[in-house]
């Protein structure tokens, strides 16, 4: 699933192309695409796309009303888009045709300039979607309940979060209710960069460990964001930089030890024993007593 770097860079690319465009139509192409009933998305027809931002793993399209509506107290609407695992918000050239089959797209934004944005998602589950929100979007679903942005948590804040939410480090990093924006890849990379076991208990993390986690988050996000900004469109998962993620069996680029993995049904914890566990190998099953 795209994480902070991918979503942030994608928001920047889309804003550069579409900001200032006047919405002509929003069209759900699948009954699963629109997640809210009110306000209606076409209430924003004739409004301009002011900016596109990122919150955690969500894209936020901020539409502002004409000055006359704004003067009467109408503050605008925000379209919140979640891409899920493989979704994309793709740019459509002017006058691009509507897809013939719903599976080719979930929702479409059309602007008066002819430019369009199409929400797509491969596969059959179709969990990507759009929420239309008014007012304080951070107080409404799906953004309500998200923890602070991972890149905005300082050392003191991280220590407080870890003490309040004791868990294995890898699980802690991926819990969006505790701290948002990181997923499986970056959790693996942060643990490796911090030289900590992915199963280290946050409730007993010392100050050195807390500082290492904060520094690692900043470093891996910055590196991934720099790489993402070099691309014309959002990267595929295999293209994203990693030292251990998805590199099981390959040499660690830091110490040369082999990258190992603990496999779960839905995800893989990747690590380097040489860098992270003093050479000790973690048992590859969920019932073992893991290294602390």
C-alpha atoms as a PDB file:
ATOM      1  CA  UNK A   1       0.000   0.000   0.000  1.00  0.00           C
ATOM      2  CA  UNK A   2       1.330   3.491  -0.781  1.00  0.00           C
ATOM      3  CA  UNK A   3       2.688   5.228   2.307  1.00  0.00           C
ATOM      4  CA  UNK A   4       3.619   8.817   3.188  1.00  0.00           C
ATOM      5  CA  UNK A   5       6.310   9.273   0.488  1.00  0.00           C
ATOM      6  CA  UNK A   6       4.243   7.891  -2.378  1.00  0.00           C
ATOM      7  CA  UNK A   7       1.046   9.722  -1.423  1.00  0.00           C
ATOM      8  CA  UNK A   8       2.842  13.004  -0.738  1.00  0.00           C
ATOM      9  CA  UNK A   9       4.718  12.981  -4.045  1.00  0.00           C
ATOM     10  CA  UNK A  10       1.560  11.947  -5.907  1.00  0.00           C
ATOM     11  CA  UNK A  11      -0.327  14.861  -4.334  1.00  0.00           C
ATOM     12  CA  UNK A  12       2.411  17.224  -5.501  1.00  0.00           C
ATOM     13  CA  UNK A  13       2.291  15.893  -9.075  1.00  0.00           C
ATOM     14  CA  UNK A  14      -1.509  16.077  -9.242  1.00  0.00           C
ATOM     15  CA  UNK A  15      -1.602  19.566  -7.775  1.00  0.00           C
ATOM     16  CA  UNK A  16       0.903  20.820 -10.329  1.00  0.00           C
ATOM     17  CA  UNK A  17      -1.309  19.518 -13.130  1.00  0.00           C
ATOM     18  CA  UNK A  18      -4.817  20.151 -11.862  1.00  0.00           C
ATOM     19  CA  UNK A  19      -4.772  22.984  -9.298  1.00  0.00           C
ATOM     20  CA  UNK A  20      -7.010  25.852 -10.332  1.00  0.00           C
ATOM     21  CA  UNK A  21      -9.220  23.648 -12.479  1.00  0.00           C
ATOM     22  CA  UNK A  22     -12.974  24.169 -12.186  1.00  0.00           C
ATOM     23  CA  UNK A  23     -14.946  20.994 -11.464  1.00  0.00           C
ATOM     24  CA  UNK A  24     -17.404  20.132 -14.221  1.00  0.00           C
ATOM     25  CA  UNK A  25     -18.579  16.765 -12.925  1.00  0.00           C
ATOM     26  CA  UNK A  26     -17.827  14.042 -10.392  1.00  0.00           C
ATOM     27  CA  UNK A  27     -19.019  10.645 -11.558  1.00  0.00           C
ATOM     28  CA  UNK A  28     -18.955   7.468  -9.455  1.00  0.00           C
ATOM     29  CA  UNK A  29     -18.451   4.561 -11.851  1.00  0.00           C
ATOM     30  CA  UNK A  30     -18.903   1.870  -9.219  1.00  0.00           C
ATOM     31  CA  UNK A  31     -21.464   1.695  -6.435  1.00  0.00           C
ATOM     32  CA  UNK A  32     -18.609   1.047  -3.983  1.00  0.00           C
ATOM     33  CA  UNK A  33     -16.654   4.183  -4.878  1.00  0.00           C
ATOM     34  CA  UNK A  34     -18.553   6.913  -3.028  1.00  0.00           C
ATOM     35  CA  UNK A  35     -18.386   6.345   0.719  1.00  0.00           C
ATOM     36  CA  UNK A  36     -20.540   9.266   1.902  1.00  0.00           C
ATOM     37  CA  UNK A  37     -24.140  10.324   1.214  1.00  0.00           C
ATOM     38  CA  UNK A  38     -23.949  13.981   2.223  1.00  0.00           C
ATOM     39  CA  UNK A  39     -22.820  16.449   1.057  1.00  0.00           C
ATOM     40  CA  UNK A  40     -23.359  15.518  -2.552  1.00  0.00           C
ATOM     41  CA  UNK A  41     -20.165  15.566  -4.645  1.00  0.00           C
ATOM     42  CA  UNK A  42     -21.767  17.609  -7.377  1.00  0.00           C
ATOM     43  CA  UNK A  43     -22.471  20.374  -4.871  1.00  0.00           C
ATOM     44  CA  UNK A  44     -18.899  21.324  -5.794  1.00  0.00           C
ATOM     45  CA  UNK A  45     -19.593  21.667  -9.525  1.00  0.00           C
ATOM     46  CA  UNK A  46     -18.327  25.060 -10.632  1.00  0.00           C
ATOM     47  CA  UNK A  47     -15.847  25.226  -7.760  1.00  0.00           C
ATOM     48  CA  UNK A  48     -12.107  25.372  -8.251  1.00  0.00           C
ATOM     49  CA  UNK A  49      -9.568  22.819  -7.106  1.00  0.00           C
ATOM     50  CA  UNK A  50      -7.587  24.936  -4.675  1.00  0.00           C
ATOM     51  CA  UNK A  51      -4.925  22.406  -3.705  1.00  0.00           C
ATOM     52  CA  UNK A  52      -4.194  18.715  -3.186  1.00  0.00           C
ATOM     53  CA  UNK A  53      -2.634  17.589   0.056  1.00  0.00           C
ATOM     54  CA  UNK A  54      -1.758  14.385   1.889  1.00  0.00           C
ATOM     55  CA  UNK A  55      -2.798  13.085   5.302  1.00  0.00           C
ATOM     56  CA  UNK A  56      -1.334   9.725   6.273  1.00  0.00           C
ATOM     57  CA  UNK A  57      -2.258   7.398   3.392  1.00  0.00           C
ATOM     58  CA  UNK A  58      -5.029   9.638   2.027  1.00  0.00           C
ATOM     59  CA  UNK A  59      -5.155  12.209  -0.770  1.00  0.00           C
ATOM     60  CA  UNK A  60      -7.173  15.360  -0.009  1.00  0.00           C
ATOM     61  CA  UNK A  61      -8.611  17.394  -2.888  1.00  0.00           C
ATOM     62  CA  UNK A  62      -9.705  20.788  -1.544  1.00  0.00           C
ATOM     63  CA  UNK A  63     -12.355  22.564  -3.619  1.00  0.00           C
ATOM     64  CA  UNK A  64     -13.199  26.209  -2.982  1.00  0.00           C
ATOM     65  CA  UNK A  65     -16.456  27.906  -4.011  1.00  0.00           C
ATOM     66  CA  UNK A  66     -16.617  31.046  -6.132  1.00  0.00           C
ATOM     67  CA  UNK A  67     -15.987  34.246  -4.199  1.00  0.00           C
ATOM     68  CA  UNK A  68     -19.707  35.007  -4.000  1.00  0.00           C
ATOM     69  CA  UNK A  69     -20.404  31.695  -2.238  1.00  0.00           C
ATOM     70  CA  UNK A  70     -17.337  32.089  -0.075  1.00  0.00           C
ATOM     71  CA  UNK A  71     -18.484  35.509   1.094  1.00  0.00           C
ATOM     72  CA  UNK A  72     -21.763  33.934   2.253  1.00  0.00           C
ATOM     73  CA  UNK A  73     -19.890  31.567   4.568  1.00  0.00           C
ATOM     74  CA  UNK A  74     -19.506  28.493   2.355  1.00  0.00           C
ATOM     75  CA  UNK A  75     -16.057  27.134   3.227  1.00  0.00           C
ATOM     76  CA  UNK A  76     -15.775  24.544   0.482  1.00  0.00           C
ATOM     77  CA  UNK A  77     -15.633  20.758   0.262  1.00  0.00           C
ATOM     78  CA  UNK A  78     -12.851  18.222   0.487  1.00  0.00           C
ATOM     79  CA  UNK A  79     -12.741  14.999  -1.512  1.00  0.00           C
ATOM     80  CA  UNK A  80     -10.769  12.455   0.514  1.00  0.00           C
ATOM     81  CA  UNK A  81      -9.371   9.598  -1.585  1.00  0.00           C
ATOM     82  CA  UNK A  82      -7.954   6.326  -0.307  1.00  0.00           C
ATOM     83  CA  UNK A  83      -6.098   4.284  -2.908  1.00  0.00           C
ATOM     84  CA  UNK A  84      -5.867   1.116  -0.798  1.00  0.00           C
ATOM     85  CA  UNK A  85      -3.337  -1.481  -1.982  1.00  0.00           C
ATOM     86  CA  UNK A  86      -3.164  -0.971  -5.734  1.00  0.00           C
ATOM     87  CA  UNK A  87      -5.389   1.991  -6.471  1.00  0.00           C
ATOM     88  CA  UNK A  88      -4.281   5.045  -8.425  1.00  0.00           C
ATOM     89  CA  UNK A  89      -5.666   8.496  -9.123  1.00  0.00           C
ATOM     90  CA  UNK A  90      -4.689   8.759 -12.748  1.00  0.00           C
ATOM     91  CA  UNK A  91      -4.570  11.860 -14.933  1.00  0.00           C
ATOM     92  CA  UNK A  92      -6.824  11.722 -17.989  1.00  0.00           C
ATOM     93  CA  UNK A  93      -6.002  13.875 -20.945  1.00  0.00           C
ATOM     94  CA  UNK A  94      -8.674  16.299 -22.135  1.00  0.00           C
ATOM     95  CA  UNK A  95     -11.692  14.616 -23.749  1.00  0.00           C
ATOM     96  CA  UNK A  96     -10.677  11.106 -22.638  1.00  0.00           C
ATOM     97  CA  UNK A  97     -13.623   8.752 -22.973  1.00  0.00           C
ATOM     98  CA  UNK A  98     -15.537   7.327 -20.034  1.00  0.00           C
ATOM     99  CA  UNK A  99     -14.543   3.668 -19.497  1.00  0.00           C
ATOM    100  CA  UNK A 100     -16.946   1.186 -21.027  1.00  0.00           C
ATOM    101  CA  UNK A 101     -16.827  -1.178 -18.069  1.00  0.00           C
ATOM    102  CA  UNK A 102     -16.959  -0.201 -14.360  1.00  0.00           C
ATOM    103  CA  UNK A 103     -13.937  -2.377 -13.659  1.00  0.00           C
ATOM    104  CA  UNK A 104     -11.826   0.066 -15.661  1.00  0.00           C
ATOM    105  CA  UNK A 105     -12.410   2.807 -13.094  1.00  0.00           C
ATOM    106  CA  UNK A 106     -14.168   3.555  -9.821  1.00  0.00           C
ATOM    107  CA  UNK A 107     -14.754   7.302 -10.023  1.00  0.00           C
ATOM    108  CA  UNK A 108     -13.937  10.195 -12.291  1.00  0.00           C
ATOM    109  CA  UNK A 109     -13.373  13.910 -11.755  1.00  0.00           C
ATOM    110  CA  UNK A 110     -13.916  16.072 -14.849  1.00  0.00           C
ATOM    111  CA  UNK A 111     -12.782  19.684 -15.070  1.00  0.00           C
ATOM    112  CA  UNK A 112     -13.902  22.414 -17.435  1.00  0.00           C
ATOM    113  CA  UNK A 113     -10.453  22.458 -19.024  1.00  0.00           C
ATOM    114  CA  UNK A 114     -11.033  18.895 -20.252  1.00  0.00           C
ATOM    115  CA  UNK A 115      -8.545  17.426 -17.764  1.00  0.00           C
ATOM    116  CA  UNK A 116      -9.768  14.488 -15.744  1.00  0.00           C
ATOM    117  CA  UNK A 117      -8.721  12.390 -12.758  1.00  0.00           C
ATOM    118  CA  UNK A 118      -9.718   8.730 -12.664  1.00  0.00           C
ATOM    119  CA  UNK A 119      -9.684   6.592  -9.544  1.00  0.00           C
ATOM    120  CA  UNK A 120      -8.752   3.057 -10.549  1.00  0.00           C
ATOM    121  CA  UNK A 121      -8.074  -0.153  -8.658  1.00  0.00           C
ATOM    122  CA  UNK A 122      -7.128  -3.551 -10.096  1.00  0.00           C
ATOM    123  CA  UNK A 123      -8.622  -6.781  -8.810  1.00  0.00           C
ATOM    124  CA  UNK A 124     -12.111  -7.619  -7.636  1.00  0.00           C
ATOM    125  CA  UNK A 125     -12.316  -6.248  -4.079  1.00  0.00           C
ATOM    126  CA  UNK A 126     -12.568  -2.565  -5.059  1.00  0.00           C
ATOM    127  CA  UNK A 127     -11.900  -1.088  -1.624  1.00  0.00           C
ATOM    128  CA  UNK A 128     -10.518   2.241  -2.850  1.00  0.00           C
ATOM    129  CA  UNK A 129     -12.963   5.070  -2.449  1.00  0.00           C
ATOM    130  CA  UNK A 130     -13.900   8.723  -2.112  1.00  0.00           C
ATOM    131  CA  UNK A 131     -15.399  10.582   0.845  1.00  0.00           C
ATOM    132  CA  UNK A 132     -16.914  14.057   0.395  1.00  0.00           C
ATOM    133  CA  UNK A 133     -16.541  16.127   3.550  1.00  0.00           C
ATOM    134  CA  UNK A 134     -17.430  19.618   4.708  1.00  0.00           C
ATOM    135  CA  UNK A 135     -16.070  21.505   7.682  1.00  0.00           C
ATOM    136  CA  UNK A 136     -13.284  20.002   9.763  1.00  0.00           C
ATOM    137  CA  UNK A 137     -12.329  16.989   7.683  1.00  0.00           C
ATOM    138  CA  UNK A 138      -9.953  15.696  10.354  1.00  0.00           C
ATOM    139  CA  UNK A 139     -12.866  15.221  12.746  1.00  0.00           C
ATOM    140  CA  UNK A 140     -14.833  13.036  10.311  1.00  0.00           C
ATOM    141  CA  UNK A 141     -14.346   9.547   8.937  1.00  0.00           C
ATOM    142  CA  UNK A 142     -12.096   8.301   7.474  1.00  0.00           C
ATOM    143  CA  UNK A 143      -9.575  10.733   8.997  1.00  0.00           C
ATOM    144  CA  UNK A 144     -11.017  10.812  12.512  1.00  0.00           C
ATOM    145  CA  UNK A 145      -9.142   8.503  14.816  1.00  0.00           C
ATOM    146  CA  UNK A 146      -5.867   8.634  12.910  1.00  0.00           C
ATOM    147  CA  UNK A 147      -2.786   9.079  15.042  1.00  0.00           C
ATOM    148  CA  UNK A 148      -0.350  11.925  14.426  1.00  0.00           C
ATOM    149  CA  UNK A 149       1.593  11.892  11.173  1.00  0.00           C
ATOM    150  CA  UNK A 150       4.692   9.756  11.695  1.00  0.00           C
ATOM    151  CA  UNK A 151       7.005  12.444  10.325  1.00  0.00           C
ATOM    152  CA  UNK A 152       5.647  15.016  12.782  1.00  0.00           C
ATOM    153  CA  UNK A 153       6.320  13.045  15.978  1.00  0.00           C
ATOM    154  CA  UNK A 154       9.397  14.234  17.873  1.00  0.00           C
ATOM    155  CA  UNK A 155      11.390  12.273  20.433  1.00  0.00           C
ATOM    156  CA  UNK A 156       9.293  13.335  23.411  1.00  0.00           C
ATOM    157  CA  UNK A 157       6.073  12.583  21.564  1.00  0.00           C
ATOM    158  CA  UNK A 158       7.376   9.196  20.437  1.00  0.00           C
ATOM    159  CA  UNK A 159       8.302   8.263  23.986  1.00  0.00           C
ATOM    160  CA  UNK A 160       4.772   9.133  25.109  1.00  0.00           C
ATOM    161  CA  UNK A 161       3.184   7.110  22.310  1.00  0.00           C
ATOM    162  CA  UNK A 162       5.351   4.078  23.004  1.00  0.00           C
ATOM    163  CA  UNK A 163       4.611   4.173  26.722  1.00  0.00           C
ATOM    164  CA  UNK A 164       0.872   4.549  26.078  1.00  0.00           C
ATOM    165  CA  UNK A 165       0.710   1.836  23.401  1.00  0.00           C
ATOM    166  CA  UNK A 166       2.979  -1.072  24.361  1.00  0.00           C
ATOM    167  CA  UNK A 167       3.402  -3.412  21.404  1.00  0.00           C
ATOM    168  CA  UNK A 168       6.043  -5.027  19.243  1.00  0.00           C
ATOM    169  CA  UNK A 169       7.838  -2.271  17.389  1.00  0.00           C
ATOM    170  CA  UNK A 170       6.807  -3.412  13.908  1.00  0.00           C
ATOM    171  CA  UNK A 171       3.125  -3.545  14.909  1.00  0.00           C
ATOM    172  CA  UNK A 172       3.376  -0.186  16.663  1.00  0.00           C
ATOM    173  CA  UNK A 173       4.770   1.505  13.556  1.00  0.00           C
ATOM    174  CA  UNK A 174       1.914   0.202  11.385  1.00  0.00           C
ATOM    175  CA  UNK A 175      -0.965   1.032  13.748  1.00  0.00           C
ATOM    176  CA  UNK A 176      -2.685   4.000  12.092  1.00  0.00           C
ATOM    177  CA  UNK A 177      -4.642   4.781  15.268  1.00  0.00           C
ATOM    178  CA  UNK A 178      -1.394   5.343  17.152  1.00  0.00           C
ATOM    179  CA  UNK A 179       0.770   6.969  14.482  1.00  0.00           C
ATOM    180  CA  UNK A 180      -0.269   7.302  10.874  1.00  0.00           C
ATOM    181  CA  UNK A 181       1.292   7.105   7.449  1.00  0.00           C
ATOM    182  CA  UNK A 182       3.655   4.142   7.723  1.00  0.00           C
ATOM    183  CA  UNK A 183       2.952   0.678   6.356  1.00  0.00           C
ATOM    184  CA  UNK A 184       4.696  -2.657   5.937  1.00  0.00           C
ATOM    185  CA  UNK A 185       7.632  -1.500   3.839  1.00  0.00           C
ATOM    186  CA  UNK A 186       8.566   1.492   5.916  1.00  0.00           C
ATOM    187  CA  UNK A 187       8.050  -0.408   9.172  1.00  0.00           C
ATOM    188  CA  UNK A 188      10.639  -2.926   7.980  1.00  0.00           C
ATOM    189  CA  UNK A 189      12.967  -0.153   6.860  1.00  0.00           C
ATOM    190  CA  UNK A 190      12.615   1.891  10.063  1.00  0.00           C
ATOM    191  CA  UNK A 191      13.404  -1.111  12.261  1.00  0.00           C
ATOM    192  CA  UNK A 192      16.465  -1.887  10.159  1.00  0.00           C
ATOM    193  CA  UNK A 193      17.684   1.725  10.046  1.00  0.00           C
ATOM    194  CA  UNK A 194      17.211   2.048  13.815  1.00  0.00           C
ATOM    195  CA  UNK A 195      19.087  -1.257  14.339  1.00  0.00           C
ATOM    196  CA  UNK A 196      16.250  -2.614  16.454  1.00  0.00           C
ATOM    197  CA  UNK A 197      14.475  -5.953  16.446  1.00  0.00           C
ATOM    198  CA  UNK A 198      11.043  -5.672  14.811  1.00  0.00           C
ATOM    199  CA  UNK A 199       9.736  -7.421  17.931  1.00  0.00           C
ATOM    200  CA  UNK A 200      11.347  -5.061  20.439  1.00  0.00           C
ATOM    201  CA  UNK A 201       8.656  -4.038  22.988  1.00  0.00           C
ATOM    202  CA  UNK A 202       7.839  -0.347  22.785  1.00  0.00           C
ATOM    203  CA  UNK A 203       6.715  -0.336  26.390  1.00  0.00           C
ATOM    204  CA  UNK A 204      10.309  -0.955  27.490  1.00  0.00           C
ATOM    205  CA  UNK A 205      12.080   1.125  24.859  1.00  0.00           C
ATOM    206  CA  UNK A 206      14.914   3.200  26.315  1.00  0.00           C
ATOM    207  CA  UNK A 207      15.670   6.788  25.292  1.00  0.00           C
ATOM    208  CA  UNK A 208      18.374   5.697  22.857  1.00  0.00           C
ATOM    209  CA  UNK A 209      15.940   3.403  21.102  1.00  0.00           C
ATOM    210  CA  UNK A 210      13.255   6.096  20.937  1.00  0.00           C
ATOM    211  CA  UNK A 211      15.701   8.550  19.386  1.00  0.00           C
ATOM    212  CA  UNK A 212      16.827   5.897  16.886  1.00  0.00           C
ATOM    213  CA  UNK A 213      13.232   5.266  15.773  1.00  0.00           C
ATOM    214  CA  UNK A 214      12.495   8.976  15.281  1.00  0.00           C
ATOM    215  CA  UNK A 215      15.699   9.469  13.291  1.00  0.00           C
ATOM    216  CA  UNK A 216      15.025   6.354  11.208  1.00  0.00           C
ATOM    217  CA  UNK A 217      11.504   7.488  10.307  1.00  0.00           C
ATOM    218  CA  UNK A 218      12.818  10.830   9.108  1.00  0.00           C
ATOM    219  CA  UNK A 219      15.623   9.255   7.102  1.00  0.00           C
ATOM    220  CA  UNK A 220      13.652   6.538   5.310  1.00  0.00           C
ATOM    221  CA  UNK A 221      10.733   8.840   4.503  1.00  0.00           C
ATOM    222  CA  UNK A 222      13.053  11.536   3.155  1.00  0.00           C
ATOM    223  CA  UNK A 223      14.953   9.042   0.995  1.00  0.00           C
ATOM    224  CA  UNK A 224      11.775   7.485  -0.370  1.00  0.00           C
ATOM    225  CA  UNK A 225      10.215  10.875  -1.020  1.00  0.00           C
ATOM    226  CA  UNK A 226      13.287  12.045  -2.920  1.00  0.00           C
ATOM    227  CA  UNK A 227      13.191   8.904  -5.071  1.00  0.00           C
ATOM    228  CA  UNK A 228       9.448   9.237  -5.657  1.00  0.00           C
ATOM    229  CA  UNK A 229       9.736  12.851  -6.759  1.00  0.00           C
ATOM    230  CA  UNK A 230      12.050  11.770  -9.575  1.00  0.00           C
ATOM    231  CA  UNK A 231       9.281   9.695 -11.182  1.00  0.00           C
ATOM    232  CA  UNK A 232       6.559  10.925 -13.546  1.00  0.00           C
ATOM    233  CA  UNK A 233       3.918   8.818 -11.780  1.00  0.00           C
ATOM    234  CA  UNK A 234       3.520   6.789  -8.611  1.00  0.00           C
ATOM    235  CA  UNK A 235       6.006   3.959  -8.314  1.00  0.00           C
ATOM    236  CA  UNK A 236       5.156   0.292  -8.173  1.00  0.00           C
ATOM    237  CA  UNK A 237       6.001  -1.414  -4.885  1.00  0.00           C
ATOM    238  CA  UNK A 238       8.993  -3.223  -6.431  1.00  0.00           C
ATOM    239  CA  UNK A 239      10.523   0.107  -7.475  1.00  0.00           C
ATOM    240  CA  UNK A 240      10.628   1.607  -3.978  1.00  0.00           C
ATOM    241  CA  UNK A 241      13.992   1.790  -2.232  1.00  0.00           C
ATOM    242  CA  UNK A 242      14.611  -0.767   0.501  1.00  0.00           C
ATOM    243  CA  UNK A 243      17.433  -2.319   2.464  1.00  0.00           C
ATOM    244  CA  UNK A 244      15.464  -5.306   3.772  1.00  0.00           C
ATOM    245  CA  UNK A 245      11.852  -5.096   2.625  1.00  0.00           C
ATOM    246  CA  UNK A 246      11.080  -7.709  -0.061  1.00  0.00           C
ATOM    247  CA  UNK A 247      14.790  -8.683  -0.160  1.00  0.00           C
ATOM    248  CA  UNK A 248      14.641 -12.009   1.678  1.00  0.00           C
ATOM    249  CA  UNK A 249      17.722 -14.085   0.883  1.00  0.00           C
ATOM    250  CA  UNK A 250      19.719 -11.153  -0.448  1.00  0.00           C
ATOM    251  CA  UNK A 251      22.706  -9.607   1.344  1.00  0.00           C
ATOM    252  CA  UNK A 252      22.081  -6.726   3.721  1.00  0.00           C
ATOM    253  CA  UNK A 253      23.584  -3.599   2.111  1.00  0.00           C
ATOM    254  CA  UNK A 254      24.940  -2.491   5.490  1.00  0.00           C
ATOM    255  CA  UNK A 255      26.609  -5.564   6.991  1.00  0.00           C
ATOM    256  CA  UNK A 256      26.417  -8.212   4.250  1.00  0.00           C
ATOM    257  CA  UNK A 257      24.438 -10.710   6.344  1.00  0.00           C
ATOM    258  CA  UNK A 258      21.511 -12.389   4.616  1.00  0.00           C
ATOM    259  CA  UNK A 259      18.122 -10.666   4.903  1.00  0.00           C
ATOM    260  CA  UNK A 260      15.618 -12.907   6.680  1.00  0.00           C
ATOM    261  CA  UNK A 261      11.871 -12.857   7.165  1.00  0.00           C
ATOM    262  CA  UNK A 262       9.110 -13.845   9.564  1.00  0.00           C
ATOM    263  CA  UNK A 263       6.100 -14.773   7.474  1.00  0.00           C
ATOM    264  CA  UNK A 264       2.514 -14.023   8.453  1.00  0.00           C
ATOM    265  CA  UNK A 265      -0.614 -14.725   6.451  1.00  0.00           C
ATOM    266  CA  UNK A 266      -1.056 -11.125   5.321  1.00  0.00           C
ATOM    267  CA  UNK A 267       2.430  -9.634   5.528  1.00  0.00           C
ATOM    268  CA  UNK A 268       6.121 -10.308   6.029  1.00  0.00           C
ATOM    269  CA  UNK A 269       8.459  -8.892   8.642  1.00  0.00           C
ATOM    270  CA  UNK A 270      11.873  -8.481   7.006  1.00  0.00           C
ATOM    271  CA  UNK A 271      15.041  -7.975   9.028  1.00  0.00           C
ATOM    272  CA  UNK A 272      18.801  -8.393   9.156  1.00  0.00           C
ATOM    273  CA  UNK A 273      20.023 -10.427  12.110  1.00  0.00           C
ATOM    274  CA  UNK A 274      23.483  -8.888  11.851  1.00  0.00           C
ATOM    275  CA  UNK A 275      22.166  -5.322  12.122  1.00  0.00           C
ATOM    276  CA  UNK A 276      19.134  -5.776  14.323  1.00  0.00           C
ATOM    277  CA  UNK A 277      19.245  -8.821  16.601  1.00  0.00           C
ATOM    278  CA  UNK A 278      22.952  -9.311  17.394  1.00  0.00           C
ATOM    279  CA  UNK A 279      23.030 -12.235  14.982  1.00  0.00           C
ATOM    280  CA  UNK A 280      20.128 -14.121  16.524  1.00  0.00           C
ATOM    281  CA  UNK A 281      17.578 -15.505  14.043  1.00  0.00           C
ATOM    282  CA  UNK A 282      13.889 -14.991  14.796  1.00  0.00           C
ATOM    283  CA  UNK A 283      11.700 -18.066  14.584  1.00  0.00           C
ATOM    284  CA  UNK A 284       9.497 -17.982  11.521  1.00  0.00           C
ATOM    285  CA  UNK A 285       6.131 -18.688  13.114  1.00  0.00           C
ATOM    286  CA  UNK A 286       3.612 -16.719  15.116  1.00  0.00           C
ATOM    287  CA  UNK A 287       3.632 -18.905  18.221  1.00  0.00           C
ATOM    288  CA  UNK A 288       7.327 -18.780  19.019  1.00  0.00           C
ATOM    289  CA  UNK A 289       8.816 -16.728  21.812  1.00  0.00           C
ATOM    290  CA  UNK A 290      10.331 -13.878  19.828  1.00  0.00           C
ATOM    291  CA  UNK A 291      13.562 -12.146  20.621  1.00  0.00           C
ATOM    292  CA  UNK A 292      13.091  -9.015  22.690  1.00  0.00           C
END
